[in-house]
């Protein structure tokens, strides 16, 4: 199978992890361009393709271009071989969208604040909002015998969620949180344990905990 296209992105970035994982799960041959943050995305060649200079960025085999991580991942979800990846009916598709929104905003918002405190680019860290979101997520997962957010198999929403949770483990979710939210971390392990893309989800940088 010929490559469907090329993605530019930093594998430390959760959006890039999600894109590469979905491509692998869906059996898509996606090329990953060599990338150096602050260099590649400021080069004339890159900016001629993607003038905003933002990653992740995608170009298909016909020269069609797309930016924004969730948008690229959704496109790859739609063209892959896993037919129910966006839900098997209208209601499941709506639930997939609901959990993507929850992951990116209710969890992603406070996680981004925590990252800002650590790396000095924004703030403040809203601990209460993070705890509220994790508590809600833990209680919801307790109602899911499959261990997935929607239906009985992995969907796009599961990947968006683990992207945010995995990012949070680097700065704000440590040993105390892993004990407090076992189903959240069981979901993380379940979704990222596939040998086809496991290499993108290292646990080496998990923190000891800051919110206990």
C-alpha atoms as a PDB file:
ATOM      1  CA  UNK A   1       0.000   0.000   0.000  1.00  0.00           C
ATOM      2  CA  UNK A   2       1.312   3.422  -0.972  1.00  0.00           C
ATOM      3  CA  UNK A   3       1.623   6.006   1.811  1.00  0.00           C
ATOM      4  CA  UNK A   4      -1.529   8.073   2.242  1.00  0.00           C
ATOM      5  CA  UNK A   5       0.566  11.135   3.041  1.00  0.00           C
ATOM      6  CA  UNK A   6       3.027  12.756   5.412  1.00  0.00           C
ATOM      7  CA  UNK A   7       2.659  14.191   8.889  1.00  0.00           C
ATOM      8  CA  UNK A   8       4.923  16.797  10.494  1.00  0.00           C
ATOM      9  CA  UNK A   9       4.867  16.778  14.276  1.00  0.00           C
ATOM     10  CA  UNK A  10       6.803  16.359  17.491  1.00  0.00           C
ATOM     11  CA  UNK A  11       6.287  12.918  19.051  1.00  0.00           C
ATOM     12  CA  UNK A  12       6.392  14.537  22.503  1.00  0.00           C
ATOM     13  CA  UNK A  13       3.170  16.317  21.545  1.00  0.00           C
ATOM     14  CA  UNK A  14      -0.056  14.492  22.467  1.00  0.00           C
ATOM     15  CA  UNK A  15      -1.760  15.363  19.179  1.00  0.00           C
ATOM     16  CA  UNK A  16       1.066  13.750  17.211  1.00  0.00           C
ATOM     17  CA  UNK A  17       0.902  10.626  19.390  1.00  0.00           C
ATOM     18  CA  UNK A  18      -2.823  10.339  18.691  1.00  0.00           C
ATOM     19  CA  UNK A  19      -2.368  10.795  14.923  1.00  0.00           C
ATOM     20  CA  UNK A  20       0.386   8.163  14.665  1.00  0.00           C
ATOM     21  CA  UNK A  21      -1.542   5.711  16.836  1.00  0.00           C
ATOM     22  CA  UNK A  22      -4.744   6.043  14.821  1.00  0.00           C
ATOM     23  CA  UNK A  23      -2.857   5.587  11.563  1.00  0.00           C
ATOM     24  CA  UNK A  24      -1.229   2.414  12.908  1.00  0.00           C
ATOM     25  CA  UNK A  25      -4.500   0.996  14.257  1.00  0.00           C
ATOM     26  CA  UNK A  26      -6.330   1.758  11.024  1.00  0.00           C
ATOM     27  CA  UNK A  27      -3.666   0.129   8.880  1.00  0.00           C
ATOM     28  CA  UNK A  28      -2.695   3.368   7.153  1.00  0.00           C
ATOM     29  CA  UNK A  29       0.819   3.912   5.811  1.00  0.00           C
ATOM     30  CA  UNK A  30       1.558   7.399   7.109  1.00  0.00           C
ATOM     31  CA  UNK A  31       5.009   8.864   6.589  1.00  0.00           C
ATOM     32  CA  UNK A  32       6.511  10.903   9.419  1.00  0.00           C
ATOM     33  CA  UNK A  33       8.673  13.769   8.206  1.00  0.00           C
ATOM     34  CA  UNK A  34      11.896  14.584  10.085  1.00  0.00           C
ATOM     35  CA  UNK A  35      11.061  17.379  12.464  1.00  0.00           C
ATOM     36  CA  UNK A  36      12.971  19.755  14.727  1.00  0.00           C
ATOM     37  CA  UNK A  37      10.773  22.077  16.770  1.00  0.00           C
ATOM     38  CA  UNK A  38      11.341  25.746  16.034  1.00  0.00           C
ATOM     39  CA  UNK A  39      13.447  24.910  13.006  1.00  0.00           C
ATOM     40  CA  UNK A  40      11.445  22.740  10.611  1.00  0.00           C
ATOM     41  CA  UNK A  41       8.203  24.640  11.162  1.00  0.00           C
ATOM     42  CA  UNK A  42       9.949  27.964  10.520  1.00  0.00           C
ATOM     43  CA  UNK A  43      11.674  26.856   7.330  1.00  0.00           C
ATOM     44  CA  UNK A  44      10.621  28.390   3.995  1.00  0.00           C
ATOM     45  CA  UNK A  45       9.720  24.932   2.657  1.00  0.00           C
ATOM     46  CA  UNK A  46       7.366  24.199   5.560  1.00  0.00           C
ATOM     47  CA  UNK A  47       5.817  27.674   5.560  1.00  0.00           C
ATOM     48  CA  UNK A  48       5.168  27.439   1.821  1.00  0.00           C
ATOM     49  CA  UNK A  49       2.930  24.461   2.606  1.00  0.00           C
ATOM     50  CA  UNK A  50       1.584  25.592   5.996  1.00  0.00           C
ATOM     51  CA  UNK A  51       1.857  29.394   6.313  1.00  0.00           C
ATOM     52  CA  UNK A  52       0.689  29.468   9.937  1.00  0.00           C
ATOM     53  CA  UNK A  53       3.718  27.384  10.938  1.00  0.00           C
ATOM     54  CA  UNK A  54       1.771  25.174  13.323  1.00  0.00           C
ATOM     55  CA  UNK A  55       2.084  21.450  14.005  1.00  0.00           C
ATOM     56  CA  UNK A  56       0.828  18.811  13.595  1.00  0.00           C
ATOM     57  CA  UNK A  57       0.421  19.301   9.862  1.00  0.00           C
ATOM     58  CA  UNK A  58      -0.575  16.795   7.194  1.00  0.00           C
ATOM     59  CA  UNK A  59      -0.219  16.578   3.417  1.00  0.00           C
ATOM     60  CA  UNK A  60      -1.763  13.713   1.495  1.00  0.00           C
ATOM     61  CA  UNK A  61      -0.314  11.972  -1.545  1.00  0.00           C
ATOM     62  CA  UNK A  62      -2.170  14.372  -3.859  1.00  0.00           C
ATOM     63  CA  UNK A  63      -0.876  17.514  -2.158  1.00  0.00           C
ATOM     64  CA  UNK A  64      -4.039  18.239  -0.127  1.00  0.00           C
ATOM     65  CA  UNK A  65      -3.126  19.822   3.206  1.00  0.00           C
ATOM     66  CA  UNK A  66      -4.668  19.835   6.667  1.00  0.00           C
ATOM     67  CA  UNK A  67      -3.709  21.297  10.055  1.00  0.00           C
ATOM     68  CA  UNK A  68      -4.972  21.031  13.675  1.00  0.00           C
ATOM     69  CA  UNK A  69      -4.285  17.783  15.495  1.00  0.00           C
ATOM     70  CA  UNK A  70      -7.854  16.662  16.194  1.00  0.00           C
ATOM     71  CA  UNK A  71      -8.917  17.458  12.641  1.00  0.00           C
ATOM     72  CA  UNK A  72      -6.093  15.384  11.153  1.00  0.00           C
ATOM     73  CA  UNK A  73      -6.805  12.506  13.531  1.00  0.00           C
ATOM     74  CA  UNK A  74     -10.519  12.588  12.693  1.00  0.00           C
ATOM     75  CA  UNK A  75      -9.743  12.480   8.958  1.00  0.00           C
ATOM     76  CA  UNK A  76      -7.483   9.446   9.449  1.00  0.00           C
ATOM     77  CA  UNK A  77     -10.195   7.841  11.563  1.00  0.00           C
ATOM     78  CA  UNK A  78     -12.684   8.308   8.764  1.00  0.00           C
ATOM     79  CA  UNK A  79     -10.592   6.902   5.903  1.00  0.00           C
ATOM     80  CA  UNK A  80      -9.183   3.893   7.741  1.00  0.00           C
ATOM     81  CA  UNK A  81     -10.375   0.309   7.731  1.00  0.00           C
ATOM     82  CA  UNK A  82     -11.961   0.356  11.207  1.00  0.00           C
ATOM     83  CA  UNK A  83     -15.530   1.204  10.244  1.00  0.00           C
ATOM     84  CA  UNK A  84     -16.850   1.943  13.749  1.00  0.00           C
ATOM     85  CA  UNK A  85     -13.959   4.121  14.863  1.00  0.00           C
ATOM     86  CA  UNK A  86     -16.186   7.199  14.934  1.00  0.00           C
ATOM     87  CA  UNK A  87     -19.177   5.248  16.266  1.00  0.00           C
ATOM     88  CA  UNK A  88     -21.449   2.672  14.651  1.00  0.00           C
ATOM     89  CA  UNK A  89     -24.534   4.923  14.528  1.00  0.00           C
ATOM     90  CA  UNK A  90     -25.518   8.566  14.947  1.00  0.00           C
ATOM     91  CA  UNK A  91     -25.874   8.331  18.728  1.00  0.00           C
ATOM     92  CA  UNK A  92     -22.483   6.687  19.205  1.00  0.00           C
ATOM     93  CA  UNK A  93     -20.864   9.263  16.919  1.00  0.00           C
ATOM     94  CA  UNK A  94     -22.381  12.016  19.053  1.00  0.00           C
ATOM     95  CA  UNK A  95     -20.973  10.347  22.180  1.00  0.00           C
ATOM     96  CA  UNK A  96     -17.530  10.117  20.560  1.00  0.00           C
ATOM     97  CA  UNK A  97     -17.705  13.859  19.884  1.00  0.00           C
ATOM     98  CA  UNK A  98     -18.882  14.504  23.438  1.00  0.00           C
ATOM     99  CA  UNK A  99     -15.893  12.730  24.965  1.00  0.00           C
ATOM    100  CA  UNK A 100     -13.451  14.396  22.587  1.00  0.00           C
ATOM    101  CA  UNK A 101     -14.787  17.770  23.725  1.00  0.00           C
ATOM    102  CA  UNK A 102     -14.608  16.716  27.386  1.00  0.00           C
ATOM    103  CA  UNK A 103     -11.014  15.480  27.048  1.00  0.00           C
ATOM    104  CA  UNK A 104      -9.770  18.560  25.238  1.00  0.00           C
ATOM    105  CA  UNK A 105     -11.522  21.173  27.373  1.00  0.00           C
ATOM    106  CA  UNK A 106     -12.482  19.841  30.803  1.00  0.00           C
ATOM    107  CA  UNK A 107      -9.269  17.845  31.248  1.00  0.00           C
ATOM    108  CA  UNK A 108      -7.052  19.535  28.689  1.00  0.00           C
ATOM    109  CA  UNK A 109      -7.644  23.047  30.047  1.00  0.00           C
ATOM    110  CA  UNK A 110      -6.264  22.473  33.556  1.00  0.00           C
ATOM    111  CA  UNK A 111      -3.550  20.140  32.246  1.00  0.00           C
ATOM    112  CA  UNK A 112      -2.347  22.914  29.946  1.00  0.00           C
ATOM    113  CA  UNK A 113      -2.249  25.206  32.979  1.00  0.00           C
ATOM    114  CA  UNK A 114      -0.099  22.676  34.842  1.00  0.00           C
ATOM    115  CA  UNK A 115       2.248  22.407  31.891  1.00  0.00           C
ATOM    116  CA  UNK A 116       2.514  26.196  31.890  1.00  0.00           C
ATOM    117  CA  UNK A 117       3.568  26.249  35.527  1.00  0.00           C
ATOM    118  CA  UNK A 118       6.266  23.681  34.848  1.00  0.00           C
ATOM    119  CA  UNK A 119       7.575  25.147  31.597  1.00  0.00           C
ATOM    120  CA  UNK A 120       6.857  28.837  32.242  1.00  0.00           C
ATOM    121  CA  UNK A 121       4.574  29.730  29.354  1.00  0.00           C
ATOM    122  CA  UNK A 122       1.189  30.243  31.055  1.00  0.00           C
ATOM    123  CA  UNK A 123      -0.819  29.693  34.239  1.00  0.00           C
ATOM    124  CA  UNK A 124      -2.420  29.368  36.707  1.00  0.00           C
ATOM    125  CA  UNK A 125      -3.041  25.684  37.364  1.00  0.00           C
ATOM    126  CA  UNK A 126      -6.716  25.022  38.213  1.00  0.00           C
ATOM    127  CA  UNK A 127      -6.415  21.984  40.484  1.00  0.00           C
ATOM    128  CA  UNK A 128     -10.106  21.950  41.421  1.00  0.00           C
ATOM    129  CA  UNK A 129     -11.203  21.748  37.809  1.00  0.00           C
ATOM    130  CA  UNK A 130      -8.810  18.885  37.118  1.00  0.00           C
ATOM    131  CA  UNK A 131      -9.993  16.925  40.164  1.00  0.00           C
ATOM    132  CA  UNK A 132     -13.636  17.470  39.220  1.00  0.00           C
ATOM    133  CA  UNK A 133     -13.026  16.204  35.678  1.00  0.00           C
ATOM    134  CA  UNK A 134     -11.057  13.159  36.828  1.00  0.00           C
ATOM    135  CA  UNK A 135     -13.681  12.263  39.436  1.00  0.00           C
ATOM    136  CA  UNK A 136     -16.418  12.448  36.825  1.00  0.00           C
ATOM    137  CA  UNK A 137     -14.387  10.397  34.364  1.00  0.00           C
ATOM    138  CA  UNK A 138     -13.618   7.737  36.975  1.00  0.00           C
ATOM    139  CA  UNK A 139     -17.306   7.361  37.834  1.00  0.00           C
ATOM    140  CA  UNK A 140     -18.258   7.131  34.163  1.00  0.00           C
ATOM    141  CA  UNK A 141     -15.668   4.463  33.404  1.00  0.00           C
ATOM    142  CA  UNK A 142     -17.084   2.427  36.301  1.00  0.00           C
ATOM    143  CA  UNK A 143     -20.258   2.065  34.193  1.00  0.00           C
ATOM    144  CA  UNK A 144     -18.367   0.815  31.130  1.00  0.00           C
ATOM    145  CA  UNK A 145     -17.839  -2.992  31.157  1.00  0.00           C
ATOM    146  CA  UNK A 146     -15.865  -2.738  27.915  1.00  0.00           C
ATOM    147  CA  UNK A 147     -13.400  -0.290  29.449  1.00  0.00           C
ATOM    148  CA  UNK A 148     -13.897   2.068  26.487  1.00  0.00           C
ATOM    149  CA  UNK A 149     -15.741   5.386  26.394  1.00  0.00           C
ATOM    150  CA  UNK A 150     -18.260   4.434  23.693  1.00  0.00           C
ATOM    151  CA  UNK A 151     -19.379   0.991  22.522  1.00  0.00           C
ATOM    152  CA  UNK A 152     -17.348  -2.180  22.898  1.00  0.00           C
ATOM    153  CA  UNK A 153     -14.170  -1.251  21.058  1.00  0.00           C
ATOM    154  CA  UNK A 154     -11.696   1.591  20.910  1.00  0.00           C
ATOM    155  CA  UNK A 155     -12.820   4.806  19.202  1.00  0.00           C
ATOM    156  CA  UNK A 156     -11.295   8.146  18.282  1.00  0.00           C
ATOM    157  CA  UNK A 157     -12.532   9.538  21.611  1.00  0.00           C
ATOM    158  CA  UNK A 158     -10.442   7.036  23.592  1.00  0.00           C
ATOM    159  CA  UNK A 159      -7.287   8.236  21.858  1.00  0.00           C
ATOM    160  CA  UNK A 160      -8.017  11.914  22.430  1.00  0.00           C
ATOM    161  CA  UNK A 161      -8.644  11.174  26.116  1.00  0.00           C
ATOM    162  CA  UNK A 162      -5.454   9.156  26.647  1.00  0.00           C
ATOM    163  CA  UNK A 163      -3.525  11.887  24.843  1.00  0.00           C
ATOM    164  CA  UNK A 164      -4.582  14.376  27.502  1.00  0.00           C
ATOM    165  CA  UNK A 165      -4.194  11.964  30.437  1.00  0.00           C
ATOM    166  CA  UNK A 166      -0.749  10.851  29.251  1.00  0.00           C
ATOM    167  CA  UNK A 167       0.340  14.485  28.977  1.00  0.00           C
ATOM    168  CA  UNK A 168      -0.985  15.133  32.474  1.00  0.00           C
ATOM    169  CA  UNK A 169       1.108  12.308  33.935  1.00  0.00           C
ATOM    170  CA  UNK A 170       4.231  14.268  33.069  1.00  0.00           C
ATOM    171  CA  UNK A 171       3.316  17.261  35.230  1.00  0.00           C
ATOM    172  CA  UNK A 172       0.341  16.682  37.502  1.00  0.00           C
ATOM    173  CA  UNK A 173      -0.803  13.054  37.834  1.00  0.00           C
ATOM    174  CA  UNK A 174       1.516  10.863  39.866  1.00  0.00           C
ATOM    175  CA  UNK A 175       1.384   7.956  42.294  1.00  0.00           C
ATOM    176  CA  UNK A 176      -1.367   9.440  44.446  1.00  0.00           C
ATOM    177  CA  UNK A 177      -3.612  10.062  41.446  1.00  0.00           C
ATOM    178  CA  UNK A 178      -2.931   6.627  39.965  1.00  0.00           C
ATOM    179  CA  UNK A 179      -4.255   5.163  43.227  1.00  0.00           C
ATOM    180  CA  UNK A 180      -7.194   7.569  43.399  1.00  0.00           C
ATOM    181  CA  UNK A 181      -8.323   7.106  39.780  1.00  0.00           C
ATOM    182  CA  UNK A 182      -7.517   3.461  38.940  1.00  0.00           C
ATOM    183  CA  UNK A 183     -10.063   3.201  36.114  1.00  0.00           C
ATOM    184  CA  UNK A 184      -8.691   6.292  34.382  1.00  0.00           C
ATOM    185  CA  UNK A 185      -5.231   4.748  34.369  1.00  0.00           C
ATOM    186  CA  UNK A 186      -6.558   1.304  33.440  1.00  0.00           C
ATOM    187  CA  UNK A 187      -8.148   2.981  30.407  1.00  0.00           C
ATOM    188  CA  UNK A 188      -4.825   4.631  29.569  1.00  0.00           C
ATOM    189  CA  UNK A 189      -3.029   1.270  29.755  1.00  0.00           C
ATOM    190  CA  UNK A 190      -5.736  -0.525  27.762  1.00  0.00           C
ATOM    191  CA  UNK A 191      -5.783   1.942  24.881  1.00  0.00           C
ATOM    192  CA  UNK A 192      -2.015   2.488  24.614  1.00  0.00           C
ATOM    193  CA  UNK A 193      -0.912  -1.120  25.125  1.00  0.00           C
ATOM    194  CA  UNK A 194      -1.253  -2.179  21.483  1.00  0.00           C
ATOM    195  CA  UNK A 195       2.134  -3.238  20.098  1.00  0.00           C
ATOM    196  CA  UNK A 196       1.427  -1.381  16.840  1.00  0.00           C
ATOM    197  CA  UNK A 197       1.766   2.025  18.532  1.00  0.00           C
ATOM    198  CA  UNK A 198       2.888   1.341  22.105  1.00  0.00           C
ATOM    199  CA  UNK A 199       6.221   3.049  21.434  1.00  0.00           C
ATOM    200  CA  UNK A 200       4.561   6.472  21.290  1.00  0.00           C
ATOM    201  CA  UNK A 201       3.244   6.243  24.868  1.00  0.00           C
ATOM    202  CA  UNK A 202       6.270   5.888  27.144  1.00  0.00           C
ATOM    203  CA  UNK A 203       5.682   5.983  30.906  1.00  0.00           C
ATOM    204  CA  UNK A 204       9.261   6.901  31.746  1.00  0.00           C
ATOM    205  CA  UNK A 205       8.465  10.543  32.604  1.00  0.00           C
ATOM    206  CA  UNK A 206       5.474   9.930  34.877  1.00  0.00           C
ATOM    207  CA  UNK A 207       5.730  12.214  37.910  1.00  0.00           C
ATOM    208  CA  UNK A 208       5.465  11.218  41.549  1.00  0.00           C
ATOM    209  CA  UNK A 209       2.382  13.377  42.095  1.00  0.00           C
ATOM    210  CA  UNK A 210       1.571  17.004  42.842  1.00  0.00           C
ATOM    211  CA  UNK A 211      -2.083  17.009  43.712  1.00  0.00           C
ATOM    212  CA  UNK A 212      -2.478  14.727  46.723  1.00  0.00           C
END
